[in-house]
Protein backbone atom coordinates (compact mmCIF):
# COMPACT_ATOMS: atom_id res chain seq x y z
CA MET A 1 0.00 0.00 0.00
CA PRO A 2 1.41 3.42 -0.83
CA PRO A 3 2.44 5.66 2.04
CA GLY A 4 0.28 7.97 4.10
CA ASP A 5 0.18 11.70 3.47
CA ARG A 6 3.20 12.58 5.62
CA GLN A 7 5.22 9.65 4.34
CA ARG A 8 4.14 10.35 0.76
CA ARG A 9 5.54 13.88 0.97
CA PHE A 10 8.76 12.50 2.45
CA ALA A 11 9.02 9.90 -0.31
CA HIS A 12 8.34 12.56 -2.93
CA ARG A 13 11.22 14.66 -1.63
CA LEU A 14 13.54 11.67 -1.73
CA ARG A 15 12.55 10.83 -5.29
CA ARG A 16 13.76 14.27 -6.33
CA ARG A 17 17.29 13.32 -5.29
CA PRO A 18 19.27 11.10 -7.62
CA GLY A 19 19.44 7.69 -6.05
CA GLY A 20 17.28 8.76 -3.10
CA GLN A 21 15.38 5.94 -1.47
CA ALA A 22 12.33 6.17 0.73
CA CYS A 23 11.97 3.25 3.04
CA VAL A 24 9.40 4.17 5.68
CA ALA A 25 7.27 1.33 7.04
CA GLY A 26 4.08 1.67 9.04
CA PRO A 27 1.80 -0.77 10.86
CA ARG A 28 0.20 -3.49 8.77
CA THR A 29 -3.56 -3.13 8.43
CA GLY A 30 -6.29 -4.55 6.23
CA CYS A 31 -4.56 -7.30 4.29
CA ARG A 32 -1.25 -5.70 3.36
CA ALA A 33 1.75 -4.00 4.89
CA VAL A 34 2.05 -0.24 4.62
CA LEU A 35 5.32 0.44 2.85
CA VAL A 36 6.85 3.46 1.16
CA SER A 37 8.01 2.94 -2.37
CA GLN A 38 11.45 4.20 -3.24
CA ALA A 39 10.08 5.23 -6.61
CA GLU A 40 7.10 4.76 -8.82
CA PRO A 41 6.74 1.17 -10.05
CA ALA A 42 8.16 0.28 -13.40
CA PRO A 43 6.02 1.36 -16.36
CA TYR A 44 2.75 -0.55 -16.41
CA ARG A 45 3.26 -2.33 -19.73
CA ALA A 46 6.92 -3.13 -19.11
CA ASN A 47 6.51 -4.64 -15.67
CA VAL A 48 3.44 -6.82 -16.22
CA ASP A 49 3.95 -10.57 -16.41
CA TRP A 50 1.79 -10.99 -19.48
CA PHE A 51 1.51 -14.77 -19.22
CA ILE A 52 -0.04 -14.65 -15.75
CA PHE A 53 -2.00 -11.49 -16.50
CA SER A 54 -3.51 -12.83 -19.72
CA ALA A 55 -4.22 -16.28 -18.31
CA GLY A 56 -5.96 -14.79 -15.26
CA ALA A 57 -7.99 -12.31 -17.29
CA LEU A 58 -9.01 -14.91 -19.87
CA GLY A 59 -9.91 -17.30 -17.06
CA ILE A 60 -12.34 -14.76 -15.62
CA LEU A 61 -13.93 -14.21 -19.03
CA ALA A 62 -14.13 -17.94 -19.64
CA VAL A 63 -16.11 -18.36 -16.43
CA CYS A 64 -18.22 -15.18 -16.37
CA LEU A 65 -19.50 -15.09 -19.95
CA PRO A 66 -20.98 -18.62 -20.04
CA LEU A 67 -22.60 -18.09 -16.63
CA ILE A 68 -24.26 -14.86 -17.77
CA LEU A 69 -25.19 -16.00 -21.29
CA PHE A 70 -26.32 -19.49 -20.30
CA PRO A 71 -27.34 -19.31 -16.62
CA GLU A 72 -29.23 -22.60 -16.48
CA TRP A 73 -26.37 -24.46 -18.12
CA GLY A 74 -23.90 -22.65 -15.86
CA LYS A 75 -25.78 -23.59 -12.72
CA ALA A 76 -25.96 -27.23 -13.81
CA ALA A 77 -22.25 -27.24 -14.68
CA LEU A 78 -21.27 -25.80 -11.29
CA THR A 79 -23.47 -28.31 -9.50
CA THR A 80 -21.97 -31.19 -11.46
CA ALA A 81 -18.43 -29.97 -10.79
CA PHE A 82 -19.17 -29.52 -7.08
CA GLU A 83 -20.56 -33.04 -6.77
CA ALA A 84 -17.69 -34.55 -8.76
CA VAL A 85 -15.04 -32.90 -6.59
CA THR A 86 -16.73 -33.54 -3.24
CA HIS A 87 -17.55 -37.16 -4.09
CA GLY A 88 -14.19 -37.90 -5.67
CA LEU A 89 -11.86 -35.81 -3.52
CA GLY A 90 -13.82 -35.22 -0.33
CA SER A 91 -11.67 -37.61 1.67
CA VAL A 92 -8.54 -35.95 0.26
CA TYR A 93 -9.64 -32.59 1.67
CA ILE A 94 -10.46 -34.12 5.06
CA VAL A 95 -7.12 -35.93 5.30
CA THR A 96 -5.13 -32.96 3.96
CA ALA A 97 -6.68 -30.55 6.45
CA GLY A 98 -5.97 -32.83 9.40
CA ALA A 99 -2.44 -33.48 8.18
CA VAL A 100 -1.74 -29.75 7.91
CA LEU A 101 -2.79 -29.23 11.53
CA LEU A 102 -0.60 -32.10 12.76
CA PHE A 103 2.33 -30.85 10.66
CA LEU A 104 2.08 -27.38 12.17
CA LEU A 105 1.93 -28.76 15.70
CA TYR A 106 5.06 -30.78 14.91
CA LEU A 107 6.79 -27.60 13.73
CA ALA A 108 5.69 -25.66 16.81
CA PHE A 109 6.72 -28.22 19.42
CA GLY A 110 9.56 -29.92 17.54
CA ARG A 111 13.15 -29.02 16.82
CA PHE A 112 12.25 -26.12 14.50
CA GLY A 113 9.89 -24.32 16.85
CA LYS A 114 12.54 -21.85 18.02
CA VAL A 115 13.62 -20.86 14.51
CA VAL A 116 13.25 -17.09 14.19
CA LEU A 117 11.64 -15.70 11.05
CA GLY A 118 14.16 -12.95 10.57
CA ASP A 119 17.63 -11.88 11.62
CA GLY A 120 17.09 -12.44 15.33
CA SER A 121 15.96 -8.92 16.17
CA ALA A 122 12.82 -8.14 18.17
CA PRO A 123 9.44 -8.79 16.52
CA ASP A 124 8.27 -6.07 14.17
CA TYR A 125 5.03 -5.67 16.14
CA GLY A 126 4.03 -6.13 19.77
CA ASP A 127 1.91 -9.09 20.83
CA PHE A 128 -1.35 -7.15 21.01
CA SER A 129 -0.89 -5.44 17.65
CA TRP A 130 0.20 -8.67 15.98
CA THR A 131 -2.78 -10.58 17.38
CA SER A 132 -5.24 -7.88 16.36
CA MET A 133 -3.91 -7.66 12.82
CA LEU A 134 -3.77 -11.43 12.49
CA PHE A 135 -7.42 -11.88 13.40
CA CYS A 136 -8.70 -8.93 11.40
CA GLY A 137 -6.77 -10.03 8.34
CA GLY A 138 -8.44 -13.44 8.43
CA ILE A 139 -12.08 -12.49 8.76
CA GLY A 140 -14.56 -10.57 6.64
CA THR A 141 -18.25 -10.16 6.08
CA SER A 142 -18.60 -13.93 5.88
CA VAL A 143 -18.12 -14.32 9.64
CA LEU A 144 -21.17 -12.09 10.17
CA TYR A 145 -23.26 -14.12 7.72
CA TRP A 146 -22.31 -17.60 8.87
CA GLY A 147 -22.07 -16.55 12.49
CA THR A 148 -25.79 -15.83 12.41
CA VAL A 149 -27.27 -18.61 10.26
CA GLU A 150 -24.87 -21.56 10.01
CA TRP A 151 -26.45 -23.34 12.98
CA ALA A 152 -29.84 -23.25 11.21
CA TYR A 153 -28.54 -25.27 8.24
CA TYR A 154 -27.17 -27.93 10.59
CA TYR A 155 -30.28 -27.98 12.77
CA ASN A 156 -32.38 -28.80 9.70
CA ALA A 157 -29.93 -31.40 8.37
CA PRO A 158 -27.58 -32.54 11.16
CA PRO A 159 -24.62 -34.93 10.81
CA PHE A 160 -24.15 -38.46 12.15
CA GLY A 161 -27.70 -39.52 11.35
CA VAL A 162 -29.16 -37.35 14.12
CA ALA A 163 -32.86 -36.56 13.73
CA PRO A 164 -33.48 -32.96 12.55
CA GLY A 165 -35.07 -30.52 14.96
CA THR A 166 -34.06 -32.35 18.14
CA ASP A 167 -32.01 -31.28 21.14
CA GLU A 168 -29.16 -33.47 19.90
CA ALA A 169 -29.34 -31.77 16.51
CA MET A 170 -29.08 -28.40 18.26
CA ARG A 171 -25.95 -29.47 20.14
CA TRP A 172 -24.21 -30.38 16.89
CA ALA A 173 -25.64 -27.33 15.11
CA ALA A 174 -24.18 -24.98 17.72
CA SER A 175 -20.74 -26.62 17.89
CA TYR A 176 -20.02 -27.49 14.24
CA PRO A 177 -19.68 -23.82 13.15
CA ILE A 178 -16.95 -23.35 15.77
CA PHE A 179 -15.21 -26.42 14.35
CA HIS A 180 -15.43 -25.16 10.76
CA TRP A 181 -13.99 -21.77 11.79
CA GLY A 182 -11.52 -23.15 14.29
CA PHE A 183 -8.11 -24.78 14.54
CA ILE A 184 -8.07 -26.62 11.20
CA GLY A 185 -9.28 -23.65 9.18
CA TRP A 186 -6.65 -21.38 10.70
CA ALA A 187 -4.04 -24.10 10.13
CA LEU A 188 -4.79 -23.85 6.40
CA TYR A 189 -3.99 -20.13 6.71
CA CYS A 190 -0.90 -20.76 8.82
CA LEU A 191 1.00 -23.26 6.65
CA PRO A 192 1.41 -20.85 3.71
CA GLY A 193 2.20 -18.12 6.23
CA VAL A 194 5.09 -20.02 7.79
CA ALA A 195 6.37 -21.30 4.43
CA ILE A 196 6.31 -17.90 2.72
CA ALA A 197 7.67 -16.14 5.82
CA TYR A 198 10.59 -18.56 6.00
CA ALA A 199 11.47 -17.98 2.34
CA TYR A 200 11.06 -14.21 2.72
CA HIS A 201 12.60 -13.49 6.12
CA VAL A 202 15.17 -16.29 6.47
CA ARG A 203 16.12 -17.22 2.91
CA LYS A 204 15.75 -13.59 1.78
CA MET A 205 13.68 -14.23 -1.33
CA PRO A 206 13.13 -10.76 -2.86
CA VAL A 207 9.54 -11.34 -3.99
CA LEU A 208 6.23 -12.16 -2.32
CA ARG A 209 5.13 -14.92 -4.65
CA LEU A 210 3.91 -18.37 -3.82
CA SER A 211 6.41 -19.84 -6.26
CA ALA A 212 9.28 -18.31 -4.25
CA ALA A 213 8.20 -20.29 -1.19
CA CYS A 214 8.37 -23.49 -3.28
CA LYS A 215 11.89 -22.81 -4.54
CA ALA A 216 13.59 -25.28 -2.20
CA VAL A 217 11.82 -28.09 -4.07
CA LEU A 218 11.33 -26.55 -7.51
CA GLY A 219 14.83 -25.05 -7.74
CA ARG A 220 15.37 -22.80 -10.74
CA SER A 221 12.01 -23.91 -12.12
CA ALA A 222 10.39 -21.65 -9.52
CA ASP A 223 11.62 -18.68 -11.55
CA GLY A 224 10.39 -20.12 -14.84
CA TRP A 225 7.18 -21.42 -16.34
CA LEU A 226 6.53 -23.90 -13.54
CA GLY A 227 6.69 -21.14 -10.97
CA ARG A 228 4.31 -19.04 -13.04
CA ILE A 229 1.85 -21.91 -13.13
CA VAL A 230 2.01 -22.18 -9.33
CA ASP A 231 1.27 -18.46 -9.03
CA LEU A 232 -1.55 -18.76 -11.55
CA LEU A 233 -3.13 -21.62 -9.60
CA PHE A 234 -3.01 -19.43 -6.51
CA MET A 235 -4.72 -16.58 -8.38
CA ILE A 236 -7.49 -18.89 -9.58
CA GLY A 237 -8.12 -20.16 -6.05
CA LEU A 238 -8.13 -16.62 -4.66
CA LEU A 239 -10.64 -15.48 -7.28
CA GLY A 240 -13.01 -18.29 -6.38
CA ALA A 241 -12.76 -17.70 -2.64
CA VAL A 242 -13.07 -13.91 -2.86
CA SER A 243 -16.08 -14.25 -5.14
CA THR A 244 -17.86 -16.39 -2.58
CA GLY A 245 -17.19 -13.97 0.26
CA MET A 246 -18.22 -11.01 -1.88
CA GLY A 247 -21.39 -12.78 -2.98
CA LEU A 248 -22.43 -13.25 0.63
CA ALA A 249 -21.53 -9.64 1.46
CA ILE A 250 -23.58 -8.26 -1.40
CA ALA A 251 -26.59 -10.33 -0.36
CA MET A 252 -26.41 -9.03 3.23
CA ILE A 253 -25.88 -5.41 2.20
CA GLY A 254 -28.83 -5.67 -0.17
CA ALA A 255 -31.03 -7.12 2.58
CA GLY A 256 -30.01 -4.32 4.94
CA LEU A 257 -30.75 -1.62 2.37
CA THR A 258 -34.11 -3.23 1.63
CA ARG A 259 -35.02 -3.19 5.30
CA MET A 260 -33.97 0.44 5.77
CA THR A 261 -35.32 1.93 2.53
CA GLY A 262 -38.12 -0.37 1.43
CA ILE A 263 -36.49 -1.00 -1.96
CA ALA A 264 -37.45 -4.45 -3.19
CA PRO A 265 -34.57 -6.96 -3.39
CA SER A 266 -33.49 -7.67 -6.95
CA PHE A 267 -30.52 -8.55 -9.11
CA GLY A 268 -30.44 -4.89 -10.11
CA LEU A 269 -29.94 -3.86 -6.48
CA ASP A 270 -27.09 -6.37 -6.19
CA LEU A 271 -25.50 -4.82 -9.28
CA VAL A 272 -25.73 -1.35 -7.78
CA VAL A 273 -24.12 -2.53 -4.53
CA ILE A 274 -21.19 -4.30 -6.16
CA ALA A 275 -20.68 -1.50 -8.69
CA THR A 276 -20.54 1.06 -5.89
CA ILE A 277 -18.02 -0.98 -3.90
CA THR A 278 -15.85 -1.68 -6.94
CA ALA A 279 -15.91 1.89 -8.25
CA THR A 280 -15.16 3.36 -4.83
CA PHE A 281 -12.09 1.22 -4.40
CA ALA A 282 -10.89 1.62 -7.99
CA VAL A 283 -11.09 5.42 -7.83
CA SER A 284 -9.36 5.52 -4.44
CA VAL A 285 -6.47 3.46 -5.80
CA TYR A 286 -6.10 5.58 -8.90
CA VAL A 287 -6.06 8.93 -7.09
CA GLY A 288 -3.84 7.65 -4.30
CA LEU A 289 -6.25 7.35 -1.39
CA GLU A 290 -4.96 4.07 -0.01
CA ALA A 291 -4.37 5.83 3.29
CA GLY A 292 -8.14 6.28 3.41
CA ILE A 293 -8.66 2.55 2.92
CA LYS A 294 -6.11 1.96 5.71
CA ARG A 295 -8.06 4.17 8.08
CA LEU A 296 -11.30 2.47 7.08
CA SER A 297 -9.76 -0.89 7.90
CA ASN A 298 -8.80 0.29 11.38
CA LEU A 299 -12.24 1.82 11.87
CA ASN A 300 -13.99 -1.34 10.74
CA VAL A 301 -12.25 -3.47 13.35
CA GLY A 302 -13.60 -1.25 16.10
CA LEU A 303 -17.07 -1.12 14.54
CA ALA A 304 -17.27 -4.91 14.20
CA PHE A 305 -16.49 -5.48 17.86
CA LEU A 306 -18.80 -2.61 18.82
CA LEU A 307 -21.59 -4.43 16.96
CA LEU A 308 -20.73 -7.61 18.85
CA ALA A 309 -20.78 -5.76 22.18
CA LEU A 310 -24.16 -4.18 21.41
CA VAL A 311 -25.70 -7.54 20.53
CA LEU A 312 -24.27 -9.06 23.72
CA ALA A 313 -25.48 -6.17 25.88
CA PHE A 314 -28.96 -5.68 24.40
CA GLY A 315 -29.59 -9.26 23.34
CA PRO A 316 -30.26 -12.39 25.44
CA THR A 317 -27.03 -12.09 27.44
CA ARG A 318 -27.67 -15.04 29.75
CA HIS A 319 -28.63 -17.33 26.87
CA ILE A 320 -25.53 -16.29 24.92
CA VAL A 321 -23.23 -17.15 27.83
CA GLU A 322 -24.92 -20.47 28.63
CA GLN A 323 -25.23 -21.73 25.06
CA GLY A 324 -21.77 -20.46 24.20
CA THR A 325 -20.23 -22.41 27.07
CA ALA A 326 -22.10 -25.57 26.09
CA SER A 327 -21.15 -25.19 22.41
CA VAL A 328 -17.44 -24.74 23.08
CA SER A 329 -17.42 -27.71 25.48
CA HIS A 330 -19.17 -29.92 22.91
CA PHE A 331 -16.75 -28.79 20.20
CA LEU A 332 -13.67 -29.60 22.28
CA ALA A 333 -15.04 -32.97 23.43
CA ASN A 334 -15.82 -34.06 19.86
CA PHE A 335 -12.98 -32.39 17.95
CA ILE A 336 -11.31 -35.62 16.82
CA THR A 337 -14.63 -37.12 15.74
CA MET A 338 -15.48 -34.03 13.69
CA SER A 339 -12.00 -33.90 12.17
CA THR A 340 -11.99 -37.49 10.92
CA TRP A 341 -15.64 -38.19 10.10
CA LEU A 342 -16.38 -39.33 6.56
CA ASP A 343 -19.98 -40.20 5.71
CA LEU A 344 -19.04 -43.35 3.81
CA SER A 345 -22.68 -44.34 3.29
CA ASN A 346 -23.39 -40.83 1.98
CA SER A 347 -26.67 -40.91 3.88
CA SER A 348 -26.59 -37.22 4.78
CA GLY A 349 -23.93 -35.68 2.54
CA PHE A 350 -23.07 -33.37 5.44
CA ASP A 351 -19.32 -33.72 5.20
CA GLU A 352 -19.29 -33.07 1.46
CA ALA A 353 -21.70 -30.14 1.56
CA TRP A 354 -20.08 -28.41 4.53
CA THR A 355 -16.76 -29.68 5.85
CA VAL A 356 -15.22 -30.19 2.41
CA PHE A 357 -16.59 -26.81 1.30
CA TYR A 358 -15.03 -25.06 4.28
CA TRP A 359 -11.65 -26.73 3.95
CA ALA A 360 -11.66 -25.79 0.26
CA TRP A 361 -12.50 -22.19 1.14
CA TRP A 362 -9.78 -21.87 3.77
CA LEU A 363 -7.32 -23.62 1.46
CA ALA A 364 -8.12 -21.28 -1.45
CA LEU A 365 -7.54 -18.22 0.74
CA GLY A 366 -4.52 -19.74 2.51
CA PRO A 367 -1.72 -18.39 0.28
CA PHE A 368 -3.36 -14.96 0.27
CA MET A 369 -3.49 -14.92 4.06
CA GLY A 370 0.00 -16.41 4.13
CA MET A 371 1.42 -13.32 2.45
CA PHE A 372 -0.25 -11.19 5.11
CA ILE A 373 1.13 -13.32 7.96
CA THR A 374 4.56 -13.01 6.37
CA LYS A 375 4.46 -9.21 6.40
CA ILE A 376 3.58 -8.94 10.10
CA SER A 377 5.58 -11.84 11.57
CA GLY A 378 9.18 -10.72 11.13
CA GLY A 379 11.20 -11.42 14.28
CA ARG A 380 8.81 -14.08 15.64
CA THR A 381 9.58 -17.75 16.04
CA ILE A 382 7.78 -20.47 14.13
CA ARG A 383 6.26 -21.60 17.42
CA GLN A 384 4.85 -18.15 18.12
CA VAL A 385 3.37 -17.84 14.65
CA VAL A 386 1.77 -21.29 14.68
CA LEU A 387 0.30 -21.16 18.18
CA GLY A 388 -0.75 -17.53 17.84
CA THR A 389 -2.50 -18.10 14.52
CA LEU A 390 -4.30 -21.25 15.64
CA GLY A 391 -5.21 -19.95 19.10
CA TRP A 392 -6.17 -16.33 18.59
CA GLY A 393 -7.83 -16.92 15.23
CA THR A 394 -10.03 -19.66 16.67
CA LEU A 395 -10.89 -17.59 19.74
CA GLY A 396 -11.90 -14.55 17.71
CA CYS A 397 -14.18 -16.51 15.38
CA THR A 398 -15.70 -18.37 18.32
CA LEU A 399 -16.78 -15.05 19.86
CA PHE A 400 -18.69 -14.08 16.71
CA PHE A 401 -20.41 -17.46 16.41
CA VAL A 402 -21.32 -17.62 20.08
CA VAL A 403 -22.78 -14.10 20.24
CA LEU A 404 -24.52 -13.92 16.86
CA GLY A 405 -25.55 -17.57 16.59
CA SER A 406 -26.89 -17.79 20.13
CA THR A 407 -28.88 -14.59 19.65
CA ALA A 408 -30.43 -15.88 16.42
CA HIS A 409 -31.23 -19.20 18.10
CA TYR A 410 -32.91 -17.44 21.03
CA GLN A 411 -35.02 -15.24 18.76
CA GLU A 412 -36.08 -18.25 16.66
CA PHE A 413 -37.37 -20.25 19.60
CA ASN A 414 -38.99 -17.25 21.27
CA GLY A 415 -40.96 -16.21 18.21
CA GLN A 416 -39.01 -13.02 17.49
CA THR A 417 -37.29 -13.92 14.20
CA GLU A 418 -38.08 -16.82 11.86
CA VAL A 419 -34.49 -17.79 11.14
CA LEU A 420 -35.27 -21.40 10.15
CA ALA A 421 -38.05 -20.33 7.80
CA LEU A 422 -35.80 -17.76 6.12
CA VAL A 423 -33.04 -20.32 5.64
CA ASN A 424 -35.46 -22.92 4.26
CA ASP A 425 -36.85 -20.30 1.87
CA GLY A 426 -33.39 -19.43 0.54
CA ARG A 427 -33.37 -16.01 2.23
CA ALA A 428 -30.69 -16.59 4.85
CA ASN A 429 -29.18 -13.20 4.03
CA GLU A 430 -32.25 -11.57 5.59
CA ALA A 431 -31.90 -13.46 8.88
CA MET A 432 -29.18 -11.27 10.37
CA VAL A 433 -30.95 -8.10 9.25
CA GLN A 434 -34.17 -9.18 10.96
CA MET A 435 -32.28 -10.34 14.04
CA LEU A 436 -30.59 -6.96 14.46
CA ALA A 437 -33.78 -5.04 13.72
CA THR A 438 -35.54 -6.96 16.51
CA LEU A 439 -33.02 -5.86 19.14
CA PRO A 440 -33.47 -2.70 21.22
CA LEU A 441 -31.86 0.19 19.31
CA GLY A 442 -32.29 -1.90 16.16
CA ASP A 443 -32.84 1.22 14.05
CA LEU A 444 -29.36 2.38 15.05
CA VAL A 445 -27.62 -1.00 14.94
CA LEU A 446 -28.84 -1.89 11.43
CA PRO A 447 -27.15 1.05 9.63
CA LEU A 448 -23.99 0.24 11.58
CA PHE A 449 -24.20 -3.33 10.28
CA VAL A 450 -24.61 -2.18 6.66
CA LEU A 451 -21.67 0.20 7.03
CA ILE A 452 -19.49 -2.60 8.44
CA CYS A 453 -20.40 -4.87 5.53
CA MET A 454 -19.63 -2.13 2.99
CA ILE A 455 -16.22 -1.40 4.50
CA PHE A 456 -15.37 -5.09 4.80
CA ALA A 457 -16.27 -5.55 1.14
CA ALA A 458 -14.29 -2.52 -0.04
CA THR A 459 -11.16 -3.47 1.89
CA SER A 460 -11.47 -7.05 0.67
CA TYR A 461 -11.42 -5.81 -2.93
CA ASP A 462 -8.47 -3.58 -2.08
CA SER A 463 -6.48 -6.48 -0.69
CA ALA A 464 -7.42 -9.02 -3.35
CA ALA A 465 -6.67 -6.65 -6.21
CA TYR A 466 -3.29 -5.77 -4.69
CA THR A 467 -2.36 -9.44 -4.31
CA LEU A 468 -3.50 -10.38 -7.82
CA ALA A 469 -1.56 -7.46 -9.27
CA SER A 470 1.53 -8.50 -7.29
CA CYS A 471 1.36 -12.02 -8.69
CA ALA A 472 1.03 -10.68 -12.23
CA THR A 473 3.97 -8.26 -11.87
CA ARG A 474 7.29 -9.32 -13.35
CA SER A 475 9.58 -7.64 -10.80
CA LEU A 476 8.50 -6.28 -7.43
CA PRO A 477 11.31 -5.38 -4.98
CA ILE A 478 10.40 -5.18 -1.33
CA HIS A 479 9.73 -1.42 -1.23
CA GLU A 480 7.81 -1.20 -4.49
CA HIS A 481 4.21 -1.95 -5.38
CA PRO A 482 2.21 -2.94 -8.46
CA ALA A 483 1.23 -0.15 -10.82
CA ARG A 484 -2.00 1.61 -9.89
CA LEU A 485 -3.62 0.90 -13.25
CA HIS A 486 -2.78 -2.76 -12.77
CA ARG A 487 -4.57 -2.84 -9.41
CA VAL A 488 -7.54 -0.95 -10.85
CA PHE A 489 -7.88 -3.55 -13.59
CA TRP A 490 -8.07 -6.41 -11.09
CA ALA A 491 -10.51 -4.44 -8.92
CA PHE A 492 -12.98 -4.32 -11.81
CA ALA A 493 -12.12 -7.78 -13.09
CA ILE A 494 -12.86 -9.60 -9.86
CA GLY A 495 -16.20 -7.80 -9.60
CA GLY A 496 -17.47 -9.80 -12.57
CA LEU A 497 -17.28 -13.24 -10.98
CA PRO A 498 -19.53 -12.65 -7.94
CA ILE A 499 -22.04 -10.90 -10.23
CA SER A 500 -22.09 -13.98 -12.45
CA LEU A 501 -22.49 -16.35 -9.51
CA ILE A 502 -25.30 -14.28 -8.01
CA TYR A 503 -27.01 -14.17 -11.41
CA VAL A 504 -26.86 -17.94 -11.67
CA GLY A 505 -28.30 -17.95 -8.15
CA GLY A 506 -28.06 -19.80 -4.90
CA LEU A 507 -25.59 -20.65 -2.18
CA LEU A 508 -24.58 -23.81 -4.04
CA SER A 509 -23.16 -21.74 -6.91
CA LEU A 510 -20.94 -19.81 -4.50
CA GLN A 511 -19.86 -23.00 -2.72
CA SER A 512 -19.16 -24.73 -6.02
CA ALA A 513 -16.88 -21.93 -7.19
CA VAL A 514 -14.70 -22.28 -4.09
CA VAL A 515 -14.46 -26.06 -4.18
CA VAL A 516 -13.65 -26.29 -7.89
CA THR A 517 -11.02 -23.53 -7.91
CA SER A 518 -9.29 -24.88 -4.80
CA VAL A 519 -8.49 -28.32 -6.25
CA PRO A 520 -5.08 -27.40 -7.76
CA LEU A 521 -4.00 -25.87 -4.46
CA LEU A 522 -3.99 -29.31 -2.84
CA LEU A 523 -0.77 -29.95 -4.78
CA VAL A 524 0.56 -26.47 -4.05
CA PHE A 525 0.14 -27.02 -0.30
CA ALA A 526 2.18 -30.22 -0.58
CA LEU A 527 4.92 -28.25 -2.37
CA LEU A 528 4.88 -25.58 0.34
CA ALA A 529 5.24 -28.13 3.14
CA ALA A 530 8.01 -30.02 1.35
CA SER A 531 9.92 -26.82 0.53
CA LEU A 532 9.62 -25.58 4.10
CA VAL A 533 10.93 -28.84 5.58
CA LYS A 534 13.76 -29.03 3.05
CA GLY A 535 14.81 -25.47 3.79
CA LEU A 536 14.65 -25.98 7.55
CA ILE A 537 16.76 -29.15 7.38
CA GLU A 538 19.35 -27.51 5.13
CA ASP A 539 19.59 -24.33 7.20
CA THR A 540 19.42 -25.79 10.73
CA PRO A 541 21.09 -29.21 10.55
CA GLY A 542 22.29 -29.20 14.13
CA ARG A 543 19.25 -27.82 15.89
CA GLY A 544 18.02 -30.00 18.72
């Protein structure tokens, strides 16, 4: 991200001097570090990696156009692809996710746990700042959506052959969301983080590309076509995952606007929402207002936890505490069962529809989050990064699911909000809006909620466009950034995919996009783990 106003003026003065270099770094917020460029990036056309750029752009067109021109065919194709992947590779996702968690625990408590990601100096950020940035970088509007309604899906169709609508179904419905947003999910964020951080901070790779973290295994091929393919696979996975999150955000923002203004929900309203978000970010990038996005990111963190505090204070506080305690206890007691369960008889399809979907989602976003973890973790040990990511990430998500989910559950069974009916009717996006509107001060809380969703969405576009532009840039030294026009292109480009998926319709379309685009990253994760181990063994042969 370009520098703030004061730093920008300083950098401008330095650029006037021959050979002057500006190297001011600020706190990491949103999903990127705040760095000062020593000069403007190389000319846009000269510095673009046209293979990755063209392949990514054509890939978006190849997906969006058929979905828009032939929506029924597109929906059927996505459904078929989703079923093929979950049926054929569902067990691979389950095993891979569990293996990643065990691998990280081995790194944390084994001989490499004390390896410092850096030159041995103090951590770049204090514990509180690092923890705050870590959690905020890993969540988005999706945690608001699923935190409110995920239990309702499981209550209607629980796992393990449990009868729907029973007390036992409710126990699983309240604890499974914590599992899906807990240790294993954050482990899929953490592995790329440790691998990329090791290559960047210890092995001094000069670029933030996924292929650079695989160099210990790929060798010189990481700088050639094979490395470009790895980066392209990452971009495809990121596009699918971001599109799903944006699709959910647009649906919630639209529901909130409908409630506040009376405008009927429609595809046209969704188009207006996503166009506003995309245009706002694109203009801000072009005119150099990234400092504004940075401030919005900081503001949004406070607003999100303010929303949580208001719901806890004005909602069913006692019920939230009691059900939250029971849910966490049930989750911990059944963690191994949840982690290893495969519905071999396929009687419910729960693991394929939900657990595989979630592991695919976390996996698709993993390298993206890994680059963020890399930027904020200099000076920390592998043990600190692993345990901090798994622990604090899980705790933060648990708070959202306990407060929002328990409130929605209470309102459902006390006749205040028909959450189950909305979910069954395909209008889950309206559940949170109605839940908030039912609370005391609902007329004040609801606009706050819409504002939070808008800022989350805008900063998500900011971060995703920056990362995509970085991957499609030929040379990007540590204190330089992708060209602004390059980032603007990706801001508009990635807006097309969620529009297409919403047009096709349904949650299944969004889920299918994540699962299908994440498949190649199964291999990439194996490369990351192998490269990390190889590098650690070569660099620390005598560590005990």
